[in-house]
């Protein structure tokens, strides 16, 4: 099950579970649309995998399977690998 991480690893922007701007790789590294399409060029800086729009978990399912609260932020910023 996806963690639905709460922020962009690059700029620390909040990305709530219902955000259409969240992008993830196959390892669930999470970025905002602006960072993913901009500085990262559509690829994860951690694994070089493709970044795609994160699916939205329906609200009633969030009650049983809540989104993660663990924030991952890289203060050094992100760079394309």
C-alpha atoms as a PDB file:
ATOM      1  CA  UNK A   1       0.000   0.000   0.000  1.00  0.00           C
ATOM      2  CA  UNK A   2       1.326   3.444  -0.880  1.00  0.00           C
ATOM      3  CA  UNK A   3       2.531   5.561   2.024  1.00  0.00           C
ATOM      4  CA  UNK A   4       1.158   8.809   0.559  1.00  0.00           C
ATOM      5  CA  UNK A   5       4.012  10.865   1.972  1.00  0.00           C
ATOM      6  CA  UNK A   6       3.058  14.379   3.075  1.00  0.00           C
ATOM      7  CA  UNK A   7       5.674  16.567   1.353  1.00  0.00           C
ATOM      8  CA  UNK A   8       8.018  17.151  -1.543  1.00  0.00           C
ATOM      9  CA  UNK A   9      11.486  15.794  -0.792  1.00  0.00           C
ATOM     10  CA  UNK A  10      13.010  18.619  -2.799  1.00  0.00           C
ATOM     11  CA  UNK A  11      11.259  21.838  -1.664  1.00  0.00           C
ATOM     12  CA  UNK A  12       9.271  20.551   1.368  1.00  0.00           C
ATOM     13  CA  UNK A  13       5.932  21.716  -0.084  1.00  0.00           C
ATOM     14  CA  UNK A  14       2.940  20.100   1.608  1.00  0.00           C
ATOM     15  CA  UNK A  15       1.290  17.406  -0.508  1.00  0.00           C
ATOM     16  CA  UNK A  16      -1.914  16.238   1.191  1.00  0.00           C
ATOM     17  CA  UNK A  17      -3.351  12.837   0.212  1.00  0.00           C
ATOM     18  CA  UNK A  18      -5.803  14.431  -2.239  1.00  0.00           C
ATOM     19  CA  UNK A  19      -3.157  16.525  -4.049  1.00  0.00           C
ATOM     20  CA  UNK A  20      -3.098  16.268  -7.835  1.00  0.00           C
ATOM     21  CA  UNK A  21       0.398  17.792  -7.778  1.00  0.00           C
ATOM     22  CA  UNK A  22       2.153  14.871  -6.056  1.00  0.00           C
ATOM     23  CA  UNK A  23       4.569  12.809  -8.155  1.00  0.00           C
ATOM     24  CA  UNK A  24       6.171   9.502  -7.099  1.00  0.00           C
ATOM     25  CA  UNK A  25       8.669   6.945  -8.363  1.00  0.00           C
ATOM     26  CA  UNK A  26       8.344   3.182  -7.912  1.00  0.00           C
ATOM     27  CA  UNK A  27      10.018   3.498  -4.485  1.00  0.00           C
ATOM     28  CA  UNK A  28       7.451   6.123  -3.429  1.00  0.00           C
ATOM     29  CA  UNK A  29       9.947   8.990  -3.305  1.00  0.00           C
ATOM     30  CA  UNK A  30       7.605  11.966  -3.426  1.00  0.00           C
ATOM     31  CA  UNK A  31       7.924  15.321  -5.168  1.00  0.00           C
ATOM     32  CA  UNK A  32       5.664  18.185  -6.159  1.00  0.00           C
ATOM     33  CA  UNK A  33       4.777  18.646  -9.828  1.00  0.00           C
ATOM     34  CA  UNK A  34       6.925  21.764 -10.154  1.00  0.00           C
ATOM     35  CA  UNK A  35      10.103  20.070  -8.888  1.00  0.00           C
ATOM     36  CA  UNK A  36       9.381  16.814 -10.751  1.00  0.00           C
ATOM     37  CA  UNK A  37       8.814  18.486 -14.107  1.00  0.00           C
ATOM     38  CA  UNK A  38      11.335  21.270 -13.569  1.00  0.00           C
ATOM     39  CA  UNK A  39      14.692  20.649 -11.950  1.00  0.00           C
ATOM     40  CA  UNK A  40      14.263  16.857 -11.925  1.00  0.00           C
ATOM     41  CA  UNK A  41      13.215  16.510 -15.554  1.00  0.00           C
ATOM     42  CA  UNK A  42      10.679  13.787 -14.731  1.00  0.00           C
ATOM     43  CA  UNK A  43      13.168  11.442 -13.044  1.00  0.00           C
ATOM     44  CA  UNK A  44      13.736  10.603  -9.388  1.00  0.00           C
ATOM     45  CA  UNK A  45      17.092  11.906  -8.105  1.00  0.00           C
ATOM     46  CA  UNK A  46      17.361   8.890  -5.797  1.00  0.00           C
ATOM     47  CA  UNK A  47      16.783   5.976  -8.208  1.00  0.00           C
ATOM     48  CA  UNK A  48      16.585   7.709 -11.624  1.00  0.00           C
ATOM     49  CA  UNK A  49      13.142   6.135 -12.130  1.00  0.00           C
ATOM     50  CA  UNK A  50      10.220   7.841 -13.818  1.00  0.00           C
ATOM     51  CA  UNK A  51       8.102  10.229 -11.750  1.00  0.00           C
ATOM     52  CA  UNK A  52       4.352   9.820 -12.279  1.00  0.00           C
ATOM     53  CA  UNK A  53       1.234  11.335 -10.702  1.00  0.00           C
ATOM     54  CA  UNK A  54       0.500   9.766  -7.332  1.00  0.00           C
ATOM     55  CA  UNK A  55      -2.955   8.166  -7.178  1.00  0.00           C
ATOM     56  CA  UNK A  56      -5.521   9.562  -4.777  1.00  0.00           C
ATOM     57  CA  UNK A  57      -6.872   7.297  -2.061  1.00  0.00           C
ATOM     58  CA  UNK A  58     -10.618   7.838  -1.541  1.00  0.00           C
ATOM     59  CA  UNK A  59     -11.485   9.688   1.657  1.00  0.00           C
ATOM     60  CA  UNK A  60     -13.404   6.765   3.158  1.00  0.00           C
ATOM     61  CA  UNK A  61     -10.323   4.542   2.647  1.00  0.00           C
ATOM     62  CA  UNK A  62      -8.041   7.077   4.324  1.00  0.00           C
ATOM     63  CA  UNK A  63      -9.945   6.446   7.551  1.00  0.00           C
ATOM     64  CA  UNK A  64      -8.830   2.820   7.551  1.00  0.00           C
ATOM     65  CA  UNK A  65      -5.466   3.334   5.816  1.00  0.00           C
ATOM     66  CA  UNK A  66      -4.251   6.863   6.655  1.00  0.00           C
ATOM     67  CA  UNK A  67      -1.547   8.697   4.767  1.00  0.00           C
ATOM     68  CA  UNK A  68       1.963   8.800   6.187  1.00  0.00           C
ATOM     69  CA  UNK A  69       3.010  11.662   8.454  1.00  0.00           C
ATOM     70  CA  UNK A  70       6.738  10.961   8.030  1.00  0.00           C
ATOM     71  CA  UNK A  71       8.329  13.898   6.236  1.00  0.00           C
ATOM     72  CA  UNK A  72      11.416  13.356   4.086  1.00  0.00           C
ATOM     73  CA  UNK A  73      13.245  16.540   3.138  1.00  0.00           C
ATOM     74  CA  UNK A  74      16.692  16.970   1.689  1.00  0.00           C
ATOM     75  CA  UNK A  75      17.912  20.409   2.810  1.00  0.00           C
ATOM     76  CA  UNK A  76      20.672  20.307   0.190  1.00  0.00           C
ATOM     77  CA  UNK A  77      17.983  20.374  -2.485  1.00  0.00           C
ATOM     78  CA  UNK A  78      17.529  18.159  -5.486  1.00  0.00           C
ATOM     79  CA  UNK A  79      19.471  17.755  -8.654  1.00  0.00           C
ATOM     80  CA  UNK A  80      18.963  15.647 -11.714  1.00  0.00           C
ATOM     81  CA  UNK A  81      21.240  12.591 -11.670  1.00  0.00           C
END
